N, C-alpha and C. Protein backbone atom coordinates (compact mmCIF):
# COMPACT_ATOMS: atom_id res chain seq x y z
N MET A 1 10.87 14.92 -12.15
CA MET A 1 10.04 13.67 -11.40
C MET A 1 9.17 13.17 -9.87
N THR A 2 8.07 11.58 -10.46
CA THR A 2 7.76 12.05 -9.44
C THR A 2 8.50 11.08 -8.20
N TYR A 3 7.54 10.67 -7.32
CA TYR A 3 8.00 9.74 -5.87
C TYR A 3 6.83 8.76 -5.61
N VAL A 4 7.50 7.52 -5.58
CA VAL A 4 6.53 6.33 -5.09
C VAL A 4 6.83 6.04 -3.85
N VAL A 5 6.03 5.41 -2.98
CA VAL A 5 5.60 5.18 -2.01
C VAL A 5 4.90 3.90 -2.26
N GLY A 6 5.77 1.88 -2.32
CA GLY A 6 5.03 0.61 -3.16
C GLY A 6 5.00 -0.26 -1.56
N PHE A 7 3.68 -0.99 -1.66
CA PHE A 7 3.90 -1.72 -0.56
C PHE A 7 3.48 -2.92 -0.83
N LEU A 8 4.12 -3.67 0.64
CA LEU A 8 3.45 -5.21 -0.43
C LEU A 8 2.29 -5.77 1.44
N THR A 9 1.43 -6.08 0.94
CA THR A 9 0.54 -6.26 2.25
C THR A 9 -0.25 -7.28 2.15
N PRO A 10 -0.04 -8.24 3.39
CA PRO A 10 -1.04 -10.23 3.22
C PRO A 10 -2.20 -9.79 3.71
N VAL A 11 -3.46 -10.01 2.78
CA VAL A 11 -4.53 -9.46 3.27
C VAL A 11 -5.81 -10.84 3.38
N PRO A 12 -6.07 -11.50 4.22
CA PRO A 12 -7.42 -12.85 4.34
C PRO A 12 -8.23 -12.16 3.15
N THR A 13 -8.09 -12.98 2.57
CA THR A 13 -9.08 -12.93 1.56
C THR A 13 -11.06 -12.87 1.42
N ALA A 14 -10.89 -13.46 2.84
CA ALA A 14 -12.07 -13.13 3.84
C ALA A 14 -12.16 -11.79 3.75
N ASN A 15 -11.26 -10.90 3.92
CA ASN A 15 -11.38 -9.59 4.22
C ASN A 15 -10.83 -8.67 2.48
N LYS A 16 -11.07 -8.83 1.42
CA LYS A 16 -11.60 -8.48 0.45
C LYS A 16 -12.03 -7.94 -0.36
N ASP A 17 -13.65 -7.98 -0.22
CA ASP A 17 -14.11 -5.96 -0.40
C ASP A 17 -14.02 -5.10 1.16
N ARG A 18 -13.69 -5.39 1.79
CA ARG A 18 -13.51 -5.16 3.33
C ARG A 18 -12.25 -4.10 2.63
N TYR A 19 -10.95 -4.97 2.39
CA TYR A 19 -9.37 -4.39 1.74
C TYR A 19 -10.01 -2.68 0.98
N ILE A 20 -11.04 -3.53 -0.29
CA ILE A 20 -10.77 -2.79 -1.50
C ILE A 20 -11.36 -1.45 -0.85
N LYS A 21 -13.00 -1.42 0.38
CA LYS A 21 -13.50 -0.61 0.82
C LYS A 21 -12.30 0.54 1.28
N SER A 22 -11.97 0.19 2.20
CA SER A 22 -10.52 0.37 3.28
C SER A 22 -10.11 1.21 2.31
N ALA A 23 -9.18 1.08 0.76
CA ALA A 23 -8.63 1.95 0.08
C ALA A 23 -9.59 2.72 -0.52
N GLN A 24 -10.65 2.35 -0.83
CA GLN A 24 -11.14 3.29 -1.11
C GLN A 24 -11.98 4.77 -0.81
N ASP A 25 -11.95 4.30 0.49
CA ASP A 25 -12.05 5.21 1.54
C ASP A 25 -10.69 6.32 2.05
N ALA A 26 -9.53 5.58 2.00
CA ALA A 26 -8.47 6.05 2.24
C ALA A 26 -8.16 7.45 1.04
N TRP A 27 -8.25 7.30 0.06
CA TRP A 27 -8.35 7.87 -1.61
C TRP A 27 -8.52 9.11 -0.75
N PRO A 28 -9.19 9.81 -0.81
CA PRO A 28 -9.26 11.25 -0.38
C PRO A 28 -8.09 11.96 0.61
N LEU A 29 -8.12 11.10 1.45
CA LEU A 29 -7.25 11.65 2.70
C LEU A 29 -6.06 11.82 1.59
N PHE A 30 -5.37 10.63 1.03
CA PHE A 30 -4.41 10.66 -0.05
C PHE A 30 -3.58 11.97 -0.67
N LYS A 31 -5.10 12.17 -1.32
CA LYS A 31 -5.69 13.20 -2.18
C LYS A 31 -4.92 14.89 -1.07
N ARG A 32 -5.82 14.41 0.11
CA ARG A 32 -5.80 15.79 0.12
C ARG A 32 -4.33 16.32 0.89
N TYR A 33 -3.18 15.56 1.02
CA TYR A 33 -2.00 15.98 1.15
C TYR A 33 -0.96 15.24 -0.15
N GLY A 34 -2.33 15.13 -0.91
CA GLY A 34 -0.98 15.34 -2.57
C GLY A 34 -1.04 14.47 -3.29
N ALA A 35 -1.08 13.30 -2.88
CA ALA A 35 -1.10 12.34 -3.74
C ALA A 35 -1.59 12.26 -5.04
N LEU A 36 -1.10 12.05 -5.99
CA LEU A 36 -1.25 11.96 -7.72
C LEU A 36 -2.03 10.43 -8.30
N GLN A 37 -1.76 9.61 -7.21
CA GLN A 37 -2.87 8.65 -8.03
C GLN A 37 -2.51 6.96 -6.84
N GLN A 38 -2.96 6.40 -6.72
CA GLN A 38 -3.51 5.27 -5.92
C GLN A 38 -3.43 3.93 -6.38
N VAL A 39 -2.68 3.32 -6.61
CA VAL A 39 -3.27 2.12 -7.57
C VAL A 39 -3.05 0.77 -5.87
N GLU A 40 -4.04 0.25 -6.15
CA GLU A 40 -4.24 -1.50 -5.73
C GLU A 40 -4.31 -2.79 -6.47
N ALA A 41 -3.83 -3.08 -6.01
CA ALA A 41 -3.93 -4.37 -6.94
C ALA A 41 -3.85 -5.95 -6.04
N TRP A 42 -4.63 -6.49 -6.18
CA TRP A 42 -5.02 -7.82 -5.60
C TRP A 42 -4.38 -8.75 -6.28
N GLY A 43 -3.30 -9.48 -5.39
CA GLY A 43 -2.24 -10.83 -6.24
C GLY A 43 -2.84 -12.33 -7.43
N GLU A 44 -3.39 -12.20 -7.65
CA GLU A 44 -3.29 -13.30 -9.65
C GLU A 44 -2.75 -14.11 -8.85
N GLN A 45 -0.96 -14.00 -9.61
CA GLN A 45 -0.38 -14.76 -10.36
C GLN A 45 0.89 -14.78 -8.96
N ILE A 46 0.67 -15.48 -8.18
CA ILE A 46 2.26 -15.24 -7.26
C ILE A 46 2.90 -16.53 -7.55
N GLU A 47 3.75 -16.15 -7.75
CA GLU A 47 4.48 -17.68 -8.12
C GLU A 47 5.81 -18.00 -6.53
N ASP A 48 5.77 -18.76 -6.34
CA ASP A 48 6.94 -19.25 -5.70
C ASP A 48 8.43 -19.38 -6.05
N GLY A 49 8.93 -18.34 -5.34
CA GLY A 49 10.31 -18.21 -5.93
C GLY A 49 11.32 -19.39 -5.56
N LYS A 50 12.66 -19.65 -5.58
CA LYS A 50 13.57 -20.08 -5.39
C LYS A 50 14.04 -19.66 -3.97
N THR A 51 14.93 -18.55 -4.11
CA THR A 51 15.41 -17.86 -2.94
C THR A 51 14.39 -16.62 -2.14
N THR A 52 13.41 -16.02 -2.58
CA THR A 52 12.12 -15.69 -2.57
C THR A 52 11.62 -15.07 -3.05
N ASP A 53 10.64 -14.45 -2.06
CA ASP A 53 9.07 -14.25 -3.42
C ASP A 53 8.15 -13.17 -2.94
N PHE A 54 7.30 -12.91 -3.00
CA PHE A 54 5.93 -11.97 -2.46
C PHE A 54 5.06 -12.79 -1.23
N LYS A 55 5.83 -14.06 -1.06
CA LYS A 55 4.67 -14.78 -0.23
C LYS A 55 5.27 -15.14 1.08
N ARG A 56 6.67 -14.93 0.35
CA ARG A 56 7.86 -15.03 1.82
C ARG A 56 8.23 -13.49 2.11
N ALA A 57 7.91 -12.71 1.60
CA ALA A 57 8.24 -11.18 1.88
C ALA A 57 7.39 -10.22 2.85
N VAL A 58 6.49 -11.32 3.06
CA VAL A 58 5.39 -10.99 4.01
C VAL A 58 4.29 -11.65 4.25
N LYS A 59 5.43 -12.71 5.15
CA LYS A 59 4.63 -14.00 5.35
C LYS A 59 3.32 -14.85 5.64
N LEU A 60 3.28 -14.90 4.20
CA LEU A 60 1.66 -15.24 4.06
C LEU A 60 0.95 -16.42 4.72
N GLU A 61 -0.02 -16.29 5.31
CA GLU A 61 -0.70 -17.31 5.40
C GLU A 61 -1.71 -18.17 4.76
N ASP A 62 -1.75 -18.73 5.12
CA ASP A 62 -3.72 -19.57 4.72
C ASP A 62 -4.32 -18.99 4.63
N GLY A 63 -5.17 -18.67 3.52
CA GLY A 63 -6.49 -18.38 2.93
C GLY A 63 -5.94 -16.27 3.50
N GLU A 64 -4.46 -16.18 2.89
CA GLU A 64 -4.78 -14.97 2.59
C GLU A 64 -3.83 -14.81 1.23
N GLN A 65 -3.97 -13.38 0.68
CA GLN A 65 -3.32 -13.45 -1.03
C GLN A 65 -2.78 -11.61 0.28
N VAL A 66 -1.28 -11.60 -1.48
CA VAL A 66 -0.99 -10.92 -1.54
C VAL A 66 -1.35 -9.32 -2.50
N VAL A 67 -1.51 -8.26 -1.45
CA VAL A 67 -1.92 -6.90 -1.91
C VAL A 67 -0.68 -6.18 -2.77
N PHE A 68 -0.76 -5.45 -3.89
CA PHE A 68 0.51 -4.84 -4.06
C PHE A 68 -0.12 -3.46 -4.49
N SER A 69 0.85 -2.80 -4.15
CA SER A 69 -0.47 -1.14 -4.34
C SER A 69 0.92 -0.21 -3.68
N TRP A 70 0.56 1.03 -4.84
CA TRP A 70 1.67 1.85 -4.75
C TRP A 70 1.13 3.09 -4.60
N LEU A 71 1.47 4.56 -4.65
CA LEU A 71 0.93 5.84 -4.59
C LEU A 71 2.10 7.08 -5.20
N ILE A 72 1.40 7.84 -6.09
CA ILE A 72 2.50 8.88 -6.90
C ILE A 72 2.25 9.75 -6.51
N TRP A 73 2.99 10.25 -5.86
CA TRP A 73 3.03 11.75 -5.31
C TRP A 73 4.59 12.76 -5.82
N PRO A 74 4.40 13.77 -5.84
CA PRO A 74 4.66 14.80 -7.24
C PRO A 74 6.16 14.59 -6.94
N ASP A 75 6.05 14.46 -5.69
CA ASP A 75 8.24 14.49 -5.09
C ASP A 75 8.29 14.05 -4.19
N LYS A 76 9.63 13.44 -3.35
CA LYS A 76 9.57 12.88 -1.52
C LYS A 76 8.91 13.64 -0.87
N ALA A 77 9.59 15.47 -0.68
CA ALA A 77 9.08 16.13 0.70
C ALA A 77 7.60 16.38 0.91
N THR A 78 6.87 16.49 -0.52
CA THR A 78 5.18 15.74 -0.32
C THR A 78 4.75 14.85 0.01
N ALA A 79 6.00 13.49 -0.28
CA ALA A 79 5.06 13.00 0.29
C ALA A 79 5.53 12.37 1.80
N ASP A 80 6.89 12.80 1.77
CA ASP A 80 7.43 12.95 3.71
C ASP A 80 6.13 13.93 4.29
N ALA A 81 6.42 15.24 3.99
CA ALA A 81 5.20 15.63 4.50
C ALA A 81 3.79 15.29 5.08
N ALA A 82 3.46 14.44 3.76
CA ALA A 82 1.92 13.98 3.91
C ALA A 82 1.86 12.85 4.84
N TRP A 83 2.77 12.21 4.87
CA TRP A 83 2.70 10.84 6.41
C TRP A 83 3.34 11.49 7.80
N GLU A 84 3.91 12.76 7.72
CA GLU A 84 3.94 13.40 9.31
C GLU A 84 2.14 13.83 9.14
N LYS A 85 1.36 14.80 8.39
CA LYS A 85 0.91 14.98 8.66
C LYS A 85 -0.60 14.06 8.64
N MET A 86 -0.51 13.38 8.44
CA MET A 86 -1.21 11.58 8.20
C MET A 86 -1.20 10.85 9.71
N GLN A 87 -0.20 10.97 10.31
CA GLN A 87 0.45 10.38 11.31
C GLN A 87 -1.13 10.57 12.44
N ASN A 88 -1.36 12.72 12.58
CA ASN A 88 -1.86 12.98 13.95
C ASN A 88 -3.37 13.78 12.92
N ASP A 89 -3.58 13.24 11.70
CA ASP A 89 -4.90 13.21 11.42
C ASP A 89 -5.98 12.33 12.21
N PRO A 90 -6.97 12.60 13.07
CA PRO A 90 -8.19 11.45 13.68
C PRO A 90 -8.88 10.75 12.40
N ALA A 91 -8.84 11.45 11.37
CA ALA A 91 -9.35 10.37 10.06
C ALA A 91 -8.58 9.57 9.63
N MET A 92 -7.19 9.18 9.46
CA MET A 92 -6.46 7.50 9.78
C MET A 92 -6.40 7.03 10.57
N ALA A 93 -6.93 7.80 12.11
CA ALA A 93 -6.60 6.66 13.41
C ALA A 93 -8.35 5.59 13.25
N ASP A 94 -9.30 6.47 12.67
CA ASP A 94 -10.71 5.91 12.66
C ASP A 94 -10.63 4.32 11.21
N MET A 95 -9.35 4.64 10.33
CA MET A 95 -9.40 3.83 9.12
C MET A 95 -9.90 2.66 9.49
N ASP A 96 -10.43 1.41 8.80
CA ASP A 96 -10.89 -0.24 8.62
C ASP A 96 -9.39 0.02 7.83
N MET A 97 -8.76 -1.35 8.67
CA MET A 97 -7.34 -1.98 8.28
C MET A 97 -7.83 -3.66 8.64
N PRO A 98 -7.94 -3.49 7.88
CA PRO A 98 -8.52 -5.23 7.94
C PRO A 98 -7.24 -6.48 6.69
N PHE A 99 -6.33 -6.19 7.87
CA PHE A 99 -5.20 -7.03 7.37
C PHE A 99 -4.29 -6.77 8.90
N ASP A 100 -2.86 -8.01 8.63
CA ASP A 100 -1.51 -7.56 10.08
C ASP A 100 -0.89 -6.13 8.83
N GLY A 101 -0.48 -5.42 9.58
CA GLY A 101 -0.21 -4.34 9.45
C GLY A 101 1.32 -4.24 9.78
N LYS A 102 1.35 -5.09 10.70
CA LYS A 102 3.21 -6.15 11.14
C LYS A 102 3.54 -6.65 10.06
N ARG A 103 2.70 -7.20 9.09
CA ARG A 103 3.81 -7.95 8.30
C ARG A 103 3.08 -6.83 6.85
N MET A 104 2.89 -5.96 7.03
CA MET A 104 2.66 -4.83 5.63
C MET A 104 4.45 -4.62 5.55
N ILE A 105 5.14 -4.65 4.12
CA ILE A 105 6.29 -3.62 4.11
C ILE A 105 6.04 -2.80 2.83
N TRP A 106 7.49 -1.76 3.04
CA TRP A 106 6.54 -0.45 1.94
C TRP A 106 8.20 -0.46 1.99
N GLY A 107 8.07 0.94 1.17
CA GLY A 107 9.57 1.79 0.38
C GLY A 107 9.49 2.74 -0.18
N GLY A 108 9.47 3.55 0.28
CA GLY A 108 9.83 4.99 -1.45
C GLY A 108 11.03 5.12 -2.03
N PHE A 109 10.03 4.89 -3.45
CA PHE A 109 12.13 5.12 -4.18
C PHE A 109 11.45 6.31 -5.55
N GLN A 110 13.14 6.70 -5.86
CA GLN A 110 12.98 7.77 -7.19
C GLN A 110 12.56 6.47 -7.67
N PRO A 111 11.96 6.81 -8.80
CA PRO A 111 11.21 6.77 -10.76
C PRO A 111 13.45 7.03 -11.20
N VAL A 112 13.27 5.96 -11.78
CA VAL A 112 14.98 6.28 -12.76
C VAL A 112 14.58 6.33 -13.75
N PHE A 113 12.70 6.04 -14.20
CA PHE A 113 12.28 6.05 -16.15
C PHE A 113 10.79 5.84 -16.34
N GLU A 114 10.70 6.72 -16.61
CA GLU A 114 9.36 6.48 -16.45
C GLU A 114 9.21 6.61 -18.00
N SER A 115 7.71 6.02 -18.71
CA SER A 115 7.56 6.85 -20.47
C SER A 115 6.40 6.66 -19.94
């Protein structure tokens, strides 16, 4: 079964094109380290929740939108090895990150159902 690493990222709407380009530029690196798929989804219908929501999760500010994205890996071991290698890869250090990474949240998930 695959392994999923998911992200919520607050991105300034003025940086949407830069964000898309940075995601496209990142894909060859993720793929080289074993990722099977990358999905970047720009928020379109982000409702306010009563207790919590996507906006509060990333402390969304005026002029920003939430991006929900994920990487599919063959397994957790491949994902863990990739993150370790990417920490030392100069290509990663040179990437344009047009968002506040301190408010990005992420986590790894073991799928319990796939169809």
